[in-house]
Amino acid sequence: MRGIALLALLPLTLGGCVARTAVDAATAPVKVAGKAVDLATTSQSERDEERGRELRKLEERAGRLERQYERERRNCLDGDRRACSDAQGTYAELQLVLRQLPAPPTDD
């Protein structure tokens, strides 16, 4: 008798599981698509952070080139002809890097 009562209640308890599984199955494609879109797109803050990293790298490169140019220029003034040639190349590269940097803020 007890077994029959349990069998009678079984469809009621399984109904919730089946309904939940059906809802999960129906919403799964939407969740997967939403996650894919989130992974494929970049937020504005992520773009800002990436641009900031790029600018810092350019500024560091410009600093290294400025120091290298000053060393080569000093050596050139001391009579080292090769340093003169190297200084010209370094200066040209420095100018290319500086053009990629935004203009510094002006004091108005």
N, C-alpha and C. Protein backbone atom coordinates (compact mmCIF):
# COMPACT_ATOMS: atom_id res chain seq x y z
N MET A 1 0.81 -1.17 0.00
CA MET A 1 0.00 0.00 0.00
C MET A 1 0.87 1.26 0.00
N ARG A 2 1.87 1.19 0.80
CA ARG A 2 2.77 2.33 0.90
C ARG A 2 3.47 2.58 -0.43
N GLY A 3 3.86 1.52 -1.13
CA GLY A 3 4.51 1.62 -2.42
C GLY A 3 3.61 2.27 -3.45
N ILE A 4 2.31 1.95 -3.37
CA ILE A 4 1.36 2.53 -4.32
C ILE A 4 1.22 4.03 -4.06
N ALA A 5 1.24 4.42 -2.80
CA ALA A 5 1.12 5.85 -2.46
C ALA A 5 2.35 6.60 -2.98
N LEU A 6 3.50 6.00 -2.84
CA LEU A 6 4.71 6.63 -3.35
C LEU A 6 4.68 6.74 -4.87
N LEU A 7 4.21 5.70 -5.54
CA LEU A 7 4.09 5.75 -6.99
C LEU A 7 3.09 6.82 -7.43
N ALA A 8 2.06 7.02 -6.65
CA ALA A 8 1.06 8.04 -6.98
C ALA A 8 1.65 9.44 -6.82
N LEU A 9 2.53 9.64 -5.85
CA LEU A 9 3.15 10.94 -5.62
C LEU A 9 4.33 11.22 -6.55
N LEU A 10 4.87 10.17 -7.14
CA LEU A 10 6.05 10.30 -7.99
C LEU A 10 5.84 11.28 -9.16
N PRO A 11 4.74 11.21 -9.90
CA PRO A 11 4.55 12.16 -11.00
C PRO A 11 4.48 13.61 -10.51
N LEU A 12 3.96 13.84 -9.33
CA LEU A 12 3.88 15.20 -8.80
C LEU A 12 5.27 15.76 -8.48
N THR A 13 6.11 14.92 -7.93
CA THR A 13 7.46 15.39 -7.58
C THR A 13 8.33 15.50 -8.82
N LEU A 14 8.15 14.61 -9.76
CA LEU A 14 8.94 14.67 -10.98
C LEU A 14 8.48 15.79 -11.91
N GLY A 15 7.24 16.20 -11.77
CA GLY A 15 6.72 17.27 -12.61
C GLY A 15 7.51 18.54 -12.45
N GLY A 16 7.89 18.87 -11.23
CA GLY A 16 8.71 20.05 -10.99
C GLY A 16 10.08 19.92 -11.62
N CYS A 17 10.66 18.75 -11.55
CA CYS A 17 11.98 18.53 -12.14
C CYS A 17 11.91 18.64 -13.66
N VAL A 18 10.88 18.05 -14.23
CA VAL A 18 10.72 18.09 -15.68
C VAL A 18 10.47 19.52 -16.13
N ALA A 19 9.63 20.24 -15.40
CA ALA A 19 9.35 21.63 -15.76
C ALA A 19 10.61 22.47 -15.65
N ARG A 20 11.36 22.27 -14.61
CA ARG A 20 12.60 23.03 -14.42
C ARG A 20 13.59 22.71 -15.55
N THR A 21 13.70 21.44 -15.91
CA THR A 21 14.58 21.04 -16.99
C THR A 21 14.13 21.65 -18.31
N ALA A 22 12.82 21.71 -18.52
CA ALA A 22 12.30 22.30 -19.75
C ALA A 22 12.62 23.78 -19.81
N VAL A 23 12.48 24.48 -18.68
CA VAL A 23 12.81 25.91 -18.63
C VAL A 23 14.30 26.11 -18.86
N ASP A 24 15.13 25.30 -18.24
CA ASP A 24 16.58 25.39 -18.43
C ASP A 24 16.95 25.14 -19.89
N ALA A 25 16.32 24.14 -20.51
CA ALA A 25 16.60 23.83 -21.90
C ALA A 25 16.17 24.96 -22.82
N ALA A 26 15.07 25.61 -22.49
CA ALA A 26 14.57 26.70 -23.33
C ALA A 26 15.42 27.96 -23.19
N THR A 27 15.93 28.23 -22.01
CA THR A 27 16.70 29.46 -21.80
C THR A 27 18.20 29.28 -22.06
N ALA A 28 18.66 28.05 -22.20
CA ALA A 28 20.09 27.80 -22.41
C ALA A 28 20.63 28.49 -23.65
N PRO A 29 19.96 28.42 -24.80
CA PRO A 29 20.52 29.11 -25.98
C PRO A 29 20.66 30.62 -25.78
N VAL A 30 19.71 31.21 -25.08
CA VAL A 30 19.77 32.64 -24.82
C VAL A 30 20.96 32.96 -23.91
N LYS A 31 21.17 32.15 -22.90
CA LYS A 31 22.29 32.36 -21.99
C LYS A 31 23.62 32.19 -22.71
N VAL A 32 23.71 31.17 -23.55
CA VAL A 32 24.95 30.91 -24.29
C VAL A 32 25.21 32.05 -25.26
N ALA A 33 24.18 32.49 -25.97
CA ALA A 33 24.35 33.59 -26.92
C ALA A 33 24.76 34.87 -26.20
N GLY A 34 24.15 35.15 -25.06
CA GLY A 34 24.50 36.34 -24.29
C GLY A 34 25.94 36.29 -23.82
N LYS A 35 26.38 35.14 -23.39
CA LYS A 35 27.76 34.98 -22.94
C LYS A 35 28.73 35.16 -24.11
N ALA A 36 28.38 34.64 -25.28
CA ALA A 36 29.23 34.77 -26.45
C ALA A 36 29.35 36.23 -26.87
N VAL A 37 28.25 36.95 -26.84
CA VAL A 37 28.28 38.37 -27.19
C VAL A 37 29.13 39.13 -26.19
N ASP A 38 29.00 38.80 -24.92
CA ASP A 38 29.79 39.47 -23.88
C ASP A 38 31.28 39.22 -24.09
N LEU A 39 31.64 38.02 -24.46
CA LEU A 39 33.05 37.69 -24.68
C LEU A 39 33.58 38.31 -25.97
N ALA A 40 32.70 38.47 -26.96
CA ALA A 40 33.14 38.98 -28.26
C ALA A 40 33.24 40.51 -28.29
N THR A 41 32.55 41.19 -27.40
CA THR A 41 32.57 42.65 -27.41
C THR A 41 33.47 43.18 -26.31
N THR A 42 33.93 44.40 -26.49
CA THR A 42 34.79 45.03 -25.52
C THR A 42 34.06 46.24 -24.95
N SER A 43 34.08 46.36 -23.66
CA SER A 43 33.39 47.50 -23.03
C SER A 43 34.24 48.75 -23.19
N GLN A 44 33.61 49.89 -22.96
CA GLN A 44 34.32 51.16 -23.07
C GLN A 44 35.46 51.23 -22.06
N SER A 45 35.24 50.74 -20.85
CA SER A 45 36.31 50.79 -19.84
C SER A 45 37.49 49.90 -20.25
N GLU A 46 37.19 48.75 -20.87
CA GLU A 46 38.27 47.88 -21.34
C GLU A 46 39.06 48.57 -22.45
N ARG A 47 38.37 49.27 -23.35
CA ARG A 47 39.06 50.01 -24.41
C ARG A 47 39.91 51.13 -23.82
N ASP A 48 39.37 51.82 -22.81
CA ASP A 48 40.13 52.89 -22.16
C ASP A 48 41.39 52.35 -21.49
N GLU A 49 41.26 51.22 -20.81
CA GLU A 49 42.42 50.62 -20.15
C GLU A 49 43.48 50.21 -21.18
N GLU A 50 43.02 49.63 -22.29
CA GLU A 50 43.96 49.21 -23.33
C GLU A 50 44.67 50.42 -23.94
N ARG A 51 43.93 51.49 -24.19
CA ARG A 51 44.53 52.70 -24.75
C ARG A 51 45.54 53.30 -23.76
N GLY A 52 45.21 53.27 -22.48
CA GLY A 52 46.13 53.76 -21.46
C GLY A 52 47.43 52.97 -21.45
N ARG A 53 47.33 51.64 -21.58
CA ARG A 53 48.55 50.80 -21.63
C ARG A 53 49.37 51.14 -22.87
N GLU A 54 48.70 51.33 -24.01
CA GLU A 54 49.42 51.69 -25.24
C GLU A 54 50.15 53.02 -25.07
N LEU A 55 49.48 54.00 -24.48
CA LEU A 55 50.10 55.31 -24.29
C LEU A 55 51.29 55.24 -23.35
N ARG A 56 51.16 54.47 -22.27
CA ARG A 56 52.29 54.32 -21.34
C ARG A 56 53.48 53.68 -22.03
N LYS A 57 53.24 52.67 -22.86
CA LYS A 57 54.34 52.02 -23.58
C LYS A 57 55.00 53.01 -24.54
N LEU A 58 54.18 53.82 -25.23
CA LEU A 58 54.76 54.81 -26.14
C LEU A 58 55.57 55.85 -25.38
N GLU A 59 55.06 56.28 -24.23
CA GLU A 59 55.79 57.27 -23.42
C GLU A 59 57.11 56.69 -22.93
N GLU A 60 57.10 55.43 -22.52
CA GLU A 60 58.34 54.78 -22.08
C GLU A 60 59.33 54.68 -23.24
N ARG A 61 58.82 54.31 -24.41
CA ARG A 61 59.69 54.22 -25.60
C ARG A 61 60.27 55.59 -25.94
N ALA A 62 59.45 56.64 -25.87
CA ALA A 62 59.93 57.99 -26.16
C ALA A 62 61.02 58.39 -25.17
N GLY A 63 60.83 58.06 -23.89
CA GLY A 63 61.84 58.37 -22.88
C GLY A 63 63.17 57.67 -23.15
N ARG A 64 63.11 56.39 -23.52
CA ARG A 64 64.34 55.65 -23.83
C ARG A 64 65.03 56.25 -25.05
N LEU A 65 64.25 56.60 -26.07
CA LEU A 65 64.84 57.19 -27.27
C LEU A 65 65.45 58.55 -26.99
N GLU A 66 64.81 59.35 -26.13
CA GLU A 66 65.38 60.67 -25.78
C GLU A 66 66.72 60.51 -25.08
N ARG A 67 66.79 59.56 -24.15
CA ARG A 67 68.06 59.34 -23.45
C ARG A 67 69.14 58.84 -24.41
N GLN A 68 68.75 57.92 -25.29
CA GLN A 68 69.70 57.39 -26.26
C GLN A 68 70.17 58.51 -27.20
N TYR A 69 69.25 59.35 -27.64
CA TYR A 69 69.61 60.45 -28.54
C TYR A 69 70.58 61.41 -27.85
N GLU A 70 70.34 61.73 -26.60
CA GLU A 70 71.24 62.64 -25.87
C GLU A 70 72.64 62.05 -25.73
N ARG A 71 72.74 60.74 -25.44
CA ARG A 71 74.05 60.09 -25.34
C ARG A 71 74.77 60.16 -26.69
N GLU A 72 74.04 59.81 -27.75
CA GLU A 72 74.66 59.82 -29.07
C GLU A 72 75.05 61.24 -29.49
N ARG A 73 74.24 62.22 -29.15
CA ARG A 73 74.54 63.61 -29.49
C ARG A 73 75.80 64.09 -28.76
N ARG A 74 75.91 63.73 -27.48
CA ARG A 74 77.11 64.10 -26.72
C ARG A 74 78.35 63.46 -27.34
N ASN A 75 78.24 62.18 -27.70
CA ASN A 75 79.36 61.49 -28.34
C ASN A 75 79.70 62.12 -29.69
N CYS A 76 78.68 62.56 -30.39
CA CYS A 76 78.90 63.23 -31.67
C CYS A 76 79.66 64.54 -31.46
N LEU A 77 79.26 65.30 -30.45
CA LEU A 77 79.94 66.56 -30.16
C LEU A 77 81.39 66.33 -29.73
N ASP A 78 81.66 65.14 -29.19
CA ASP A 78 83.03 64.79 -28.81
C ASP A 78 83.85 64.29 -30.00
N GLY A 79 83.25 64.25 -31.19
CA GLY A 79 84.00 63.89 -32.39
C GLY A 79 83.74 62.51 -32.94
N ASP A 80 82.81 61.77 -32.39
CA ASP A 80 82.50 60.42 -32.87
C ASP A 80 81.53 60.53 -34.06
N ARG A 81 82.04 60.31 -35.28
CA ARG A 81 81.22 60.45 -36.49
C ARG A 81 80.08 59.43 -36.53
N ARG A 82 80.37 58.22 -36.09
CA ARG A 82 79.33 57.19 -36.09
C ARG A 82 78.19 57.58 -35.16
N ALA A 83 78.51 58.18 -34.02
CA ALA A 83 77.48 58.63 -33.08
C ALA A 83 76.60 59.70 -33.72
N CYS A 84 77.17 60.51 -34.60
CA CYS A 84 76.38 61.53 -35.30
C CYS A 84 75.32 60.88 -36.18
N SER A 85 75.74 59.86 -36.91
CA SER A 85 74.82 59.13 -37.77
C SER A 85 73.75 58.41 -36.95
N ASP A 86 74.18 57.77 -35.86
CA ASP A 86 73.24 57.08 -34.98
C ASP A 86 72.24 58.06 -34.37
N ALA A 87 72.72 59.25 -34.00
CA ALA A 87 71.85 60.26 -33.40
C ALA A 87 70.78 60.70 -34.38
N GLN A 88 71.12 60.81 -35.65
CA GLN A 88 70.13 61.20 -36.64
C GLN A 88 69.03 60.14 -36.76
N GLY A 89 69.42 58.88 -36.80
CA GLY A 89 68.43 57.80 -36.87
C GLY A 89 67.55 57.74 -35.63
N THR A 90 68.17 57.90 -34.47
CA THR A 90 67.42 57.87 -33.22
C THR A 90 66.44 59.04 -33.15
N TYR A 91 66.90 60.22 -33.60
CA TYR A 91 66.03 61.40 -33.58
C TYR A 91 64.82 61.19 -34.49
N ALA A 92 65.04 60.60 -35.67
CA ALA A 92 63.94 60.34 -36.59
C ALA A 92 62.94 59.36 -35.97
N GLU A 93 63.43 58.33 -35.32
CA GLU A 93 62.55 57.35 -34.67
C GLU A 93 61.80 58.00 -33.52
N LEU A 94 62.47 58.86 -32.77
CA LEU A 94 61.84 59.57 -31.66
C LEU A 94 60.69 60.44 -32.17
N GLN A 95 60.89 61.11 -33.30
CA GLN A 95 59.84 61.95 -33.85
C GLN A 95 58.62 61.13 -34.26
N LEU A 96 58.84 59.94 -34.80
CA LEU A 96 57.72 59.07 -35.16
C LEU A 96 56.92 58.66 -33.93
N VAL A 97 57.62 58.34 -32.86
CA VAL A 97 56.95 57.93 -31.63
C VAL A 97 56.19 59.12 -31.02
N LEU A 98 56.80 60.28 -31.02
CA LEU A 98 56.14 61.46 -30.43
C LEU A 98 54.88 61.85 -31.19
N ARG A 99 54.84 61.60 -32.49
CA ARG A 99 53.63 61.92 -33.28
C ARG A 99 52.46 61.04 -32.88
N GLN A 100 52.73 59.88 -32.33
CA GLN A 100 51.66 58.96 -31.93
C GLN A 100 51.06 59.32 -30.57
N LEU A 101 51.75 60.15 -29.82
CA LEU A 101 51.27 60.55 -28.50
C LEU A 101 50.31 61.73 -28.63
N PRO A 102 49.31 61.80 -27.77
CA PRO A 102 48.42 62.96 -27.80
C PRO A 102 49.16 64.21 -27.34
N ALA A 103 48.68 65.35 -27.75
CA ALA A 103 49.31 66.62 -27.36
C ALA A 103 49.15 66.81 -25.85
N PRO A 104 50.18 67.30 -25.18
CA PRO A 104 50.05 67.55 -23.74
C PRO A 104 49.06 68.68 -23.49
N PRO A 105 48.40 68.66 -22.35
CA PRO A 105 47.45 69.73 -22.03
C PRO A 105 48.15 71.07 -21.95
N THR A 106 47.48 72.11 -22.38
CA THR A 106 48.06 73.45 -22.33
C THR A 106 47.57 74.17 -21.09
N ASP A 107 48.42 75.06 -20.56
CA ASP A 107 48.05 75.88 -19.40
C ASP A 107 47.42 77.16 -19.93
N ASP A 108 46.13 77.27 -19.80
CA ASP A 108 45.44 78.49 -20.29
C ASP A 108 45.28 79.51 -19.20
